């Protein structure tokens, strides 16, 4: 759909242009419409255009290595998206899904050059918005790069493993020790003279064979639960080490990518501004 000057007047980035400038730019750009649920583009698609939202909303997201959907931004009226691929010529780094019927102005490289020629301050506006987006992305990565292994392992426990953890924690506590000291003292006291000759004692006389058997059975059962808990702890430690490695690797790659992206964007904007300044200087020199 062909754009009109009135359409561009509704978009903040074009609103400061005068009527003749908007009319000249409207002859170059187009307007696309997408229904809710449609994809404007997907991650990996070639990108040579950016989109300025006139109406509607678009969700920009990507999926990480574990398949989780990471939402980068929800673009609304006046926002633009897709500028990264337009500037560096690379594929799309994220997908854009329409969540409210979208009406957007489509701008390619030549259109962007024309906009910067007409209004050089638009380059700074775009750089500011892109820098803000990179800042928000950095914050997002800081909060989503790590996982709580203890929470994941806790949620995945079966009833047997829950019992093993509870029993293991209790057997290593002072209350467990005190309870057994009291029980052993009572048991032995009830089975030695003079209580053993009365009607309340003597059910397990020295050398306390019944007590020995009970303690042996308890030790066998408890050792099984303790070993189960230790095995789960070892698995948790292994997963934690893997997660720490993945987090460190991801952080290193993301930081390197952000540095390269910022450098490329800065170089591209400086080059475009220099070219625009030269064009303006030549235009001013002409009679």
C-alpha atoms as a PDB file:
ATOM      1  CA  UNK A   1       0.000   0.000   0.000  1.00  0.00           C
ATOM      2  CA  UNK A   2       1.373   3.415  -0.989  1.00  0.00           C
ATOM      3  CA  UNK A   3       1.903   5.868   1.870  1.00  0.00           C
ATOM      4  CA  UNK A   4       0.535   9.396   1.936  1.00  0.00           C
ATOM      5  CA  UNK A   5       1.768  12.567   3.604  1.00  0.00           C
ATOM      6  CA  UNK A   6      -1.158  12.407   6.035  1.00  0.00           C
ATOM      7  CA  UNK A   7      -0.153   8.897   7.081  1.00  0.00           C
ATOM      8  CA  UNK A   8       3.414  10.004   7.770  1.00  0.00           C
ATOM      9  CA  UNK A   9       2.161  12.981   9.783  1.00  0.00           C
ATOM     10  CA  UNK A  10       0.684  10.512  12.299  1.00  0.00           C
ATOM     11  CA  UNK A  11       4.114   8.971  12.992  1.00  0.00           C
ATOM     12  CA  UNK A  12       6.304  10.864  15.516  1.00  0.00           C
ATOM     13  CA  UNK A  13       9.574  10.339  13.634  1.00  0.00           C
ATOM     14  CA  UNK A  14       8.039  11.962  10.527  1.00  0.00           C
ATOM     15  CA  UNK A  15       5.830  14.508  12.289  1.00  0.00           C
ATOM     16  CA  UNK A  16       8.518  17.225  12.430  1.00  0.00           C
ATOM     17  CA  UNK A  17       8.917  17.238   8.654  1.00  0.00           C
ATOM     18  CA  UNK A  18       7.050  19.908   6.742  1.00  0.00           C
ATOM     19  CA  UNK A  19       4.287  19.017   4.326  1.00  0.00           C
ATOM     20  CA  UNK A  20       6.472  19.063   1.203  1.00  0.00           C
ATOM     21  CA  UNK A  21       9.125  16.880   2.846  1.00  0.00           C
ATOM     22  CA  UNK A  22       6.515  14.368   3.988  1.00  0.00           C
ATOM     23  CA  UNK A  23       5.017  14.332   0.510  1.00  0.00           C
ATOM     24  CA  UNK A  24       8.428  13.666  -1.041  1.00  0.00           C
ATOM     25  CA  UNK A  25       9.146  10.890   1.443  1.00  0.00           C
ATOM     26  CA  UNK A  26       5.666   9.387   1.047  1.00  0.00           C
ATOM     27  CA  UNK A  27       6.399   8.751  -2.620  1.00  0.00           C
ATOM     28  CA  UNK A  28       9.288   6.487  -1.592  1.00  0.00           C
ATOM     29  CA  UNK A  29       7.914   4.490   1.346  1.00  0.00           C
ATOM     30  CA  UNK A  30       5.107   1.966   1.624  1.00  0.00           C
ATOM     31  CA  UNK A  31       2.618   0.942   4.291  1.00  0.00           C
ATOM     32  CA  UNK A  32       2.087  -2.689   5.279  1.00  0.00           C
ATOM     33  CA  UNK A  33      -0.795  -4.146   7.235  1.00  0.00           C
ATOM     34  CA  UNK A  34      -0.710  -7.397   9.193  1.00  0.00           C
ATOM     35  CA  UNK A  35      -3.444  -9.088  11.188  1.00  0.00           C
ATOM     36  CA  UNK A  36      -2.998 -10.115  14.809  1.00  0.00           C
ATOM     37  CA  UNK A  37      -1.130 -13.412  15.091  1.00  0.00           C
ATOM     38  CA  UNK A  38       0.837 -12.912  11.876  1.00  0.00           C
ATOM     39  CA  UNK A  39       4.613 -12.653  11.740  1.00  0.00           C
ATOM     40  CA  UNK A  40       6.179  -9.581  10.157  1.00  0.00           C
ATOM     41  CA  UNK A  41       9.454 -11.513  10.005  1.00  0.00           C
ATOM     42  CA  UNK A  42      11.139 -14.396  11.773  1.00  0.00           C
ATOM     43  CA  UNK A  43      14.602 -14.815  13.246  1.00  0.00           C
ATOM     44  CA  UNK A  44      17.060 -15.729  10.501  1.00  0.00           C
ATOM     45  CA  UNK A  45      15.136 -14.001   7.702  1.00  0.00           C
ATOM     46  CA  UNK A  46      17.102 -11.556   5.544  1.00  0.00           C
ATOM     47  CA  UNK A  47      16.490  -7.990   6.630  1.00  0.00           C
ATOM     48  CA  UNK A  48      16.743  -4.871   4.475  1.00  0.00           C
ATOM     49  CA  UNK A  49      13.857  -2.832   5.887  1.00  0.00           C
ATOM     50  CA  UNK A  50      12.733  -1.303   9.154  1.00  0.00           C
ATOM     51  CA  UNK A  51       9.144  -0.788  10.244  1.00  0.00           C
ATOM     52  CA  UNK A  52       7.624   2.254  11.947  1.00  0.00           C
ATOM     53  CA  UNK A  53       4.367   1.482  13.762  1.00  0.00           C
ATOM     54  CA  UNK A  54       1.384   3.686  12.883  1.00  0.00           C
ATOM     55  CA  UNK A  55      -1.125   1.580  14.812  1.00  0.00           C
ATOM     56  CA  UNK A  56      -1.179  -1.772  16.554  1.00  0.00           C
ATOM     57  CA  UNK A  57       1.435  -3.638  18.577  1.00  0.00           C
ATOM     58  CA  UNK A  58       4.264  -6.010  17.712  1.00  0.00           C
ATOM     59  CA  UNK A  59       6.106  -8.343  20.079  1.00  0.00           C
ATOM     60  CA  UNK A  60       9.801  -8.834  19.371  1.00  0.00           C
ATOM     61  CA  UNK A  61      11.176 -12.076  20.784  1.00  0.00           C
ATOM     62  CA  UNK A  62      13.618 -14.915  20.280  1.00  0.00           C
ATOM     63  CA  UNK A  63      13.912 -18.456  21.597  1.00  0.00           C
ATOM     64  CA  UNK A  64      16.985 -19.425  23.599  1.00  0.00           C
ATOM     65  CA  UNK A  65      18.804 -22.761  23.517  1.00  0.00           C
ATOM     66  CA  UNK A  66      16.336 -24.303  25.963  1.00  0.00           C
ATOM     67  CA  UNK A  67      13.325 -23.258  23.861  1.00  0.00           C
ATOM     68  CA  UNK A  68      12.145 -20.499  26.210  1.00  0.00           C
ATOM     69  CA  UNK A  69      10.515 -17.456  24.601  1.00  0.00           C
ATOM     70  CA  UNK A  70      12.465 -14.323  25.522  1.00  0.00           C
ATOM     71  CA  UNK A  71      10.482 -11.129  24.834  1.00  0.00           C
ATOM     72  CA  UNK A  72      12.763  -8.217  23.972  1.00  0.00           C
ATOM     73  CA  UNK A  73      10.202  -5.479  23.440  1.00  0.00           C
ATOM     74  CA  UNK A  74       6.606  -4.739  22.586  1.00  0.00           C
ATOM     75  CA  UNK A  75       6.591  -2.016  19.922  1.00  0.00           C
ATOM     76  CA  UNK A  76       3.619   0.342  19.912  1.00  0.00           C
ATOM     77  CA  UNK A  77       2.518   3.443  18.032  1.00  0.00           C
ATOM     78  CA  UNK A  78       5.513   5.582  17.045  1.00  0.00           C
ATOM     79  CA  UNK A  79       8.080   2.857  17.756  1.00  0.00           C
ATOM     80  CA  UNK A  80      10.238   1.297  15.078  1.00  0.00           C
ATOM     81  CA  UNK A  81      11.789  -2.152  14.805  1.00  0.00           C
ATOM     82  CA  UNK A  82      13.968  -4.131  12.417  1.00  0.00           C
ATOM     83  CA  UNK A  83      16.666  -1.446  12.200  1.00  0.00           C
ATOM     84  CA  UNK A  84      19.533  -3.750  13.221  1.00  0.00           C
ATOM     85  CA  UNK A  85      19.436  -5.839  10.057  1.00  0.00           C
ATOM     86  CA  UNK A  86      18.896  -2.729   7.945  1.00  0.00           C
ATOM     87  CA  UNK A  87      22.055  -1.138   9.322  1.00  0.00           C
ATOM     88  CA  UNK A  88      24.453  -4.098   9.344  1.00  0.00           C
ATOM     89  CA  UNK A  89      22.944  -6.117   6.486  1.00  0.00           C
ATOM     90  CA  UNK A  90      22.735  -9.288   8.599  1.00  0.00           C
ATOM     91  CA  UNK A  91      19.785 -11.638   9.124  1.00  0.00           C
ATOM     92  CA  UNK A  92      17.024 -10.927  11.608  1.00  0.00           C
ATOM     93  CA  UNK A  93      18.112 -11.625  15.186  1.00  0.00           C
ATOM     94  CA  UNK A  94      14.546 -11.874  16.531  1.00  0.00           C
ATOM     95  CA  UNK A  95      11.020 -12.612  15.371  1.00  0.00           C
ATOM     96  CA  UNK A  96       8.245 -10.007  15.190  1.00  0.00           C
ATOM     97  CA  UNK A  97       4.734 -11.266  15.958  1.00  0.00           C
ATOM     98  CA  UNK A  98       1.703  -9.002  15.631  1.00  0.00           C
ATOM     99  CA  UNK A  99      -0.380  -8.975  18.819  1.00  0.00           C
ATOM    100  CA  UNK A 100      -2.748  -6.191  17.680  1.00  0.00           C
ATOM    101  CA  UNK A 101      -3.611  -5.488  14.027  1.00  0.00           C
ATOM    102  CA  UNK A 102      -0.572  -3.696  12.639  1.00  0.00           C
ATOM    103  CA  UNK A 103      -0.314  -0.744  10.298  1.00  0.00           C
ATOM    104  CA  UNK A 104       3.369   0.128   9.714  1.00  0.00           C
ATOM    105  CA  UNK A 105       5.447   2.338   7.436  1.00  0.00           C
ATOM    106  CA  UNK A 106       8.189   0.352   5.676  1.00  0.00           C
ATOM    107  CA  UNK A 107      11.554   2.097   5.246  1.00  0.00           C
ATOM    108  CA  UNK A 108      14.515   0.714   3.275  1.00  0.00           C
ATOM    109  CA  UNK A 109      18.104   1.991   3.072  1.00  0.00           C
ATOM    110  CA  UNK A 110      17.406   4.541   0.355  1.00  0.00           C
ATOM    111  CA  UNK A 111      14.366   5.825   2.218  1.00  0.00           C
ATOM    112  CA  UNK A 112      16.461   6.119   5.381  1.00  0.00           C
ATOM    113  CA  UNK A 113      19.122   8.084   3.523  1.00  0.00           C
ATOM    114  CA  UNK A 114      16.430  10.429   2.238  1.00  0.00           C
ATOM    115  CA  UNK A 115      15.005  10.868   5.747  1.00  0.00           C
ATOM    116  CA  UNK A 116      18.442  11.667   7.173  1.00  0.00           C
ATOM    117  CA  UNK A 117      19.088  14.112   4.334  1.00  0.00           C
ATOM    118  CA  UNK A 118      15.825  15.918   4.983  1.00  0.00           C
ATOM    119  CA  UNK A 119      16.111  15.778   8.764  1.00  0.00           C
ATOM    120  CA  UNK A 120      19.608  14.891  10.084  1.00  0.00           C
ATOM    121  CA  UNK A 121      18.332  14.936  13.674  1.00  0.00           C
ATOM    122  CA  UNK A 122      16.364  11.774  12.871  1.00  0.00           C
ATOM    123  CA  UNK A 123      19.665   9.871  12.896  1.00  0.00           C
ATOM    124  CA  UNK A 124      20.251  10.886  16.506  1.00  0.00           C
ATOM    125  CA  UNK A 125      16.671   9.961  17.407  1.00  0.00           C
ATOM    126  CA  UNK A 126      17.183   6.520  15.910  1.00  0.00           C
ATOM    127  CA  UNK A 127      20.545   6.093  17.617  1.00  0.00           C
ATOM    128  CA  UNK A 128      19.012   7.083  20.962  1.00  0.00           C
ATOM    129  CA  UNK A 129      16.131   4.643  20.575  1.00  0.00           C
ATOM    130  CA  UNK A 130      18.464   1.846  19.517  1.00  0.00           C
ATOM    131  CA  UNK A 131      20.797   2.546  22.437  1.00  0.00           C
ATOM    132  CA  UNK A 132      17.834   2.380  24.812  1.00  0.00           C
ATOM    133  CA  UNK A 133      16.826  -0.947  23.280  1.00  0.00           C
ATOM    134  CA  UNK A 134      20.342  -2.322  23.735  1.00  0.00           C
ATOM    135  CA  UNK A 135      20.290  -1.182  27.353  1.00  0.00           C
ATOM    136  CA  UNK A 136      16.984  -2.950  27.980  1.00  0.00           C
ATOM    137  CA  UNK A 137      18.306  -6.073  26.258  1.00  0.00           C
ATOM    138  CA  UNK A 138      21.376  -6.032  28.497  1.00  0.00           C
ATOM    139  CA  UNK A 139      19.152  -5.814  31.585  1.00  0.00           C
ATOM    140  CA  UNK A 140      17.028  -8.656  30.258  1.00  0.00           C
ATOM    141  CA  UNK A 141      20.064 -10.850  29.684  1.00  0.00           C
ATOM    142  CA  UNK A 142      21.330 -10.061  33.163  1.00  0.00           C
ATOM    143  CA  UNK A 143      18.098 -11.338  34.700  1.00  0.00           C
ATOM    144  CA  UNK A 144      17.452 -14.334  32.416  1.00  0.00           C
ATOM    145  CA  UNK A 145      20.893 -15.761  31.750  1.00  0.00           C
ATOM    146  CA  UNK A 146      21.008 -17.812  34.947  1.00  0.00           C
ATOM    147  CA  UNK A 147      18.772 -20.529  36.282  1.00  0.00           C
ATOM    148  CA  UNK A 148      18.042 -21.578  39.848  1.00  0.00           C
ATOM    149  CA  UNK A 149      19.282 -25.162  39.888  1.00  0.00           C
ATOM    150  CA  UNK A 150      18.006 -25.760  43.413  1.00  0.00           C
ATOM    151  CA  UNK A 151      14.495 -24.728  42.367  1.00  0.00           C
ATOM    152  CA  UNK A 152      14.603 -26.909  39.235  1.00  0.00           C
ATOM    153  CA  UNK A 153      15.863 -29.923  41.168  1.00  0.00           C
ATOM    154  CA  UNK A 154      13.348 -29.297  43.934  1.00  0.00           C
ATOM    155  CA  UNK A 155      10.440 -29.210  41.507  1.00  0.00           C
ATOM    156  CA  UNK A 156      11.577 -32.439  39.819  1.00  0.00           C
ATOM    157  CA  UNK A 157      11.754 -34.532  43.013  1.00  0.00           C
ATOM    158  CA  UNK A 158       9.652 -37.681  43.426  1.00  0.00           C
ATOM    159  CA  UNK A 159       8.067 -38.695  46.717  1.00  0.00           C
ATOM    160  CA  UNK A 160      10.885 -41.165  47.338  1.00  0.00           C
ATOM    161  CA  UNK A 161      13.514 -38.464  46.833  1.00  0.00           C
ATOM    162  CA  UNK A 162      11.568 -36.057  49.040  1.00  0.00           C
ATOM    163  CA  UNK A 163      11.532 -38.697  51.782  1.00  0.00           C
ATOM    164  CA  UNK A 164      15.250 -39.357  51.247  1.00  0.00           C
ATOM    165  CA  UNK A 165      16.068 -35.652  51.595  1.00  0.00           C
ATOM    166  CA  UNK A 166      13.957 -35.261  54.736  1.00  0.00           C
ATOM    167  CA  UNK A 167      15.372 -38.390  56.382  1.00  0.00           C
ATOM    168  CA  UNK A 168      18.951 -37.500  55.442  1.00  0.00           C
ATOM    169  CA  UNK A 169      18.547 -34.002  56.840  1.00  0.00           C
ATOM    170  CA  UNK A 170      17.060 -35.356  60.076  1.00  0.00           C
ATOM    171  CA  UNK A 171      19.705 -38.068  60.620  1.00  0.00           C
ATOM    172  CA  UNK A 172      22.409 -35.412  60.451  1.00  0.00           C
ATOM    173  CA  UNK A 173      20.811 -33.223  63.104  1.00  0.00           C
ATOM    174  CA  UNK A 174      21.286 -32.906  66.866  1.00  0.00           C
ATOM    175  CA  UNK A 175      17.649 -33.856  67.641  1.00  0.00           C
ATOM    176  CA  UNK A 176      18.277 -37.234  65.975  1.00  0.00           C
ATOM    177  CA  UNK A 177      21.314 -37.764  68.205  1.00  0.00           C
ATOM    178  CA  UNK A 178      19.533 -36.724  71.399  1.00  0.00           C
ATOM    179  CA  UNK A 179      16.501 -38.934  70.656  1.00  0.00           C
ATOM    180  CA  UNK A 180      18.726 -41.989  70.168  1.00  0.00           C
ATOM    181  CA  UNK A 181      20.744 -41.255  73.304  1.00  0.00           C
ATOM    182  CA  UNK A 182      17.526 -41.104  75.333  1.00  0.00           C
ATOM    183  CA  UNK A 183      16.103 -44.251  73.703  1.00  0.00           C
ATOM    184  CA  UNK A 184      19.306 -46.237  74.242  1.00  0.00           C
ATOM    185  CA  UNK A 185      19.521 -45.102  77.868  1.00  0.00           C
ATOM    186  CA  UNK A 186      15.913 -46.114  78.542  1.00  0.00           C
ATOM    187  CA  UNK A 187      16.344 -49.447  76.721  1.00  0.00           C
ATOM    188  CA  UNK A 188      19.497 -50.359  78.606  1.00  0.00           C
ATOM    189  CA  UNK A 189      18.128 -49.078  81.905  1.00  0.00           C
ATOM    190  CA  UNK A 190      15.019 -51.239  81.593  1.00  0.00           C
ATOM    191  CA  UNK A 191      17.069 -54.355  80.884  1.00  0.00           C
ATOM    192  CA  UNK A 192      19.696 -54.217  83.616  1.00  0.00           C
ATOM    193  CA  UNK A 193      19.366 -54.956  87.335  1.00  0.00           C
ATOM    194  CA  UNK A 194      17.391 -54.120  89.361  1.00  0.00           C
ATOM    195  CA  UNK A 195      14.679 -53.219  86.772  1.00  0.00           C
ATOM    196  CA  UNK A 196      15.279 -56.378  84.757  1.00  0.00           C
ATOM    197  CA  UNK A 197      14.043 -58.527  87.693  1.00  0.00           C
ATOM    198  CA  UNK A 198      10.819 -56.563  88.006  1.00  0.00           C
ATOM    199  CA  UNK A 199       7.665 -56.999  85.967  1.00  0.00           C
ATOM    200  CA  UNK A 200       8.508 -53.971  83.754  1.00  0.00           C
ATOM    201  CA  UNK A 201      12.027 -54.966  82.680  1.00  0.00           C
ATOM    202  CA  UNK A 202      14.083 -57.796  81.321  1.00  0.00           C
ATOM    203  CA  UNK A 203      12.565 -58.071  77.826  1.00  0.00           C
ATOM    204  CA  UNK A 204      16.042 -57.720  76.200  1.00  0.00           C
ATOM    205  CA  UNK A 205      18.733 -58.775  78.691  1.00  0.00           C
ATOM    206  CA  UNK A 206      22.457 -58.209  78.192  1.00  0.00           C
ATOM    207  CA  UNK A 207      24.037 -58.294  75.563  1.00  0.00           C
ATOM    208  CA  UNK A 208      20.843 -56.628  74.213  1.00  0.00           C
ATOM    209  CA  UNK A 209      20.397 -58.715  71.072  1.00  0.00           C
ATOM    210  CA  UNK A 210      17.044 -57.151  70.163  1.00  0.00           C
ATOM    211  CA  UNK A 211      18.506 -53.648  70.445  1.00  0.00           C
ATOM    212  CA  UNK A 212      21.490 -54.654  68.318  1.00  0.00           C
ATOM    213  CA  UNK A 213      19.199 -56.060  65.609  1.00  0.00           C
ATOM    214  CA  UNK A 214      16.973 -52.946  65.636  1.00  0.00           C
ATOM    215  CA  UNK A 215      19.963 -50.606  65.372  1.00  0.00           C
ATOM    216  CA  UNK A 216      21.436 -52.683  62.521  1.00  0.00           C
ATOM    217  CA  UNK A 217      18.169 -52.591  60.569  1.00  0.00           C
ATOM    218  CA  UNK A 218      17.871 -48.853  61.187  1.00  0.00           C
ATOM    219  CA  UNK A 219      21.444 -48.303  59.960  1.00  0.00           C
ATOM    220  CA  UNK A 220      20.794 -50.290  56.765  1.00  0.00           C
ATOM    221  CA  UNK A 221      17.580 -48.417  55.958  1.00  0.00           C
ATOM    222  CA  UNK A 222      19.031 -45.006  56.785  1.00  0.00           C
ATOM    223  CA  UNK A 223      22.167 -45.681  54.725  1.00  0.00           C
ATOM    224  CA  UNK A 224      20.009 -46.346  51.657  1.00  0.00           C
ATOM    225  CA  UNK A 225      18.141 -43.047  52.063  1.00  0.00           C
ATOM    226  CA  UNK A 226      21.368 -41.149  52.707  1.00  0.00           C
ATOM    227  CA  UNK A 227      22.975 -42.618  49.577  1.00  0.00           C
ATOM    228  CA  UNK A 228      19.902 -41.680  47.515  1.00  0.00           C
ATOM    229  CA  UNK A 229      20.102 -38.112  48.784  1.00  0.00           C
ATOM    230  CA  UNK A 230      23.854 -37.952  48.146  1.00  0.00           C
ATOM    231  CA  UNK A 231      23.387 -39.212  44.587  1.00  0.00           C
ATOM    232  CA  UNK A 232      20.779 -36.529  43.963  1.00  0.00           C
ATOM    233  CA  UNK A 233      23.083 -33.891  45.419  1.00  0.00           C
ATOM    234  CA  UNK A 234      25.878 -35.082  43.124  1.00  0.00           C
ATOM    235  CA  UNK A 235      23.511 -34.790  40.144  1.00  0.00           C
ATOM    236  CA  UNK A 236      22.517 -31.308  41.277  1.00  0.00           C
ATOM    237  CA  UNK A 237      26.176 -30.291  41.496  1.00  0.00           C
ATOM    238  CA  UNK A 238      26.803 -31.612  38.002  1.00  0.00           C
ATOM    239  CA  UNK A 239      23.834 -29.670  36.617  1.00  0.00           C
ATOM    240  CA  UNK A 240      24.963 -26.555  38.486  1.00  0.00           C
ATOM    241  CA  UNK A 241      28.420 -26.815  36.931  1.00  0.00           C
ATOM    242  CA  UNK A 242      26.871 -27.190  33.475  1.00  0.00           C
ATOM    243  CA  UNK A 243      24.607 -24.186  34.060  1.00  0.00           C
ATOM    244  CA  UNK A 244      27.482 -22.049  35.318  1.00  0.00           C
ATOM    245  CA  UNK A 245      29.482 -22.930  32.220  1.00  0.00           C
ATOM    246  CA  UNK A 246      26.536 -22.115  29.930  1.00  0.00           C
ATOM    247  CA  UNK A 247      25.890 -18.816  31.729  1.00  0.00           C
ATOM    248  CA  UNK A 248      29.533 -17.756  31.508  1.00  0.00           C
ATOM    249  CA  UNK A 249      29.724 -18.722  27.849  1.00  0.00           C
ATOM    250  CA  UNK A 250      26.449 -16.961  27.027  1.00  0.00           C
ATOM    251  CA  UNK A 251      27.486 -13.818  28.879  1.00  0.00           C
ATOM    252  CA  UNK A 252      30.810 -13.745  27.049  1.00  0.00           C
ATOM    253  CA  UNK A 253      29.147 -14.181  23.652  1.00  0.00           C
ATOM    254  CA  UNK A 254      26.440 -11.605  24.369  1.00  0.00           C
ATOM    255  CA  UNK A 255      28.944  -9.012  25.575  1.00  0.00           C
ATOM    256  CA  UNK A 256      31.084  -9.560  22.492  1.00  0.00           C
ATOM    257  CA  UNK A 257      27.989  -9.316  20.271  1.00  0.00           C
ATOM    258  CA  UNK A 258      26.844  -6.098  21.946  1.00  0.00           C
ATOM    259  CA  UNK A 259      30.277  -4.525  21.510  1.00  0.00           C
ATOM    260  CA  UNK A 260      30.364  -5.450  17.833  1.00  0.00           C
ATOM    261  CA  UNK A 261      26.785  -4.250  17.301  1.00  0.00           C
ATOM    262  CA  UNK A 262      27.357  -0.907  19.002  1.00  0.00           C
ATOM    263  CA  UNK A 263      30.606  -0.363  17.084  1.00  0.00           C
ATOM    264  CA  UNK A 264      28.929  -1.220  13.779  1.00  0.00           C
ATOM    265  CA  UNK A 265      25.966   1.021  14.484  1.00  0.00           C
ATOM    266  CA  UNK A 266      28.181   3.903  15.569  1.00  0.00           C
ATOM    267  CA  UNK A 267      30.307   3.556  12.449  1.00  0.00           C
ATOM    268  CA  UNK A 268      27.250   3.332  10.209  1.00  0.00           C
ATOM    269  CA  UNK A 269      25.612   6.410  11.726  1.00  0.00           C
ATOM    270  CA  UNK A 270      28.827   8.438  11.618  1.00  0.00           C
ATOM    271  CA  UNK A 271      29.355   7.521   7.964  1.00  0.00           C
ATOM    272  CA  UNK A 272      25.766   8.399   7.075  1.00  0.00           C
ATOM    273  CA  UNK A 273      25.883  11.691   8.949  1.00  0.00           C
ATOM    274  CA  UNK A 274      29.169  12.585   7.248  1.00  0.00           C
ATOM    275  CA  UNK A 275      27.649  11.835   3.847  1.00  0.00           C
ATOM    276  CA  UNK A 276      24.582  13.921   4.664  1.00  0.00           C
ATOM    277  CA  UNK A 277      26.743  16.828   5.833  1.00  0.00           C
ATOM    278  CA  UNK A 278      28.695  16.692   2.575  1.00  0.00           C
ATOM    279  CA  UNK A 279      25.465  16.712   0.574  1.00  0.00           C
ATOM    280  CA  UNK A 280      24.152  19.666   2.570  1.00  0.00           C
ATOM    281  CA  UNK A 281      27.451  21.522   2.134  1.00  0.00           C
ATOM    282  CA  UNK A 282      27.383  20.971  -1.632  1.00  0.00           C
ATOM    283  CA  UNK A 283      23.757  22.102  -1.741  1.00  0.00           C
ATOM    284  CA  UNK A 284      24.634  25.267   0.183  1.00  0.00           C
ATOM    285  CA  UNK A 285      27.504  26.069  -2.199  1.00  0.00           C
ATOM    286  CA  UNK A 286      25.244  25.957  -5.218  1.00  0.00           C
ATOM    287  CA  UNK A 287      23.781  29.337  -6.289  1.00  0.00           C
END
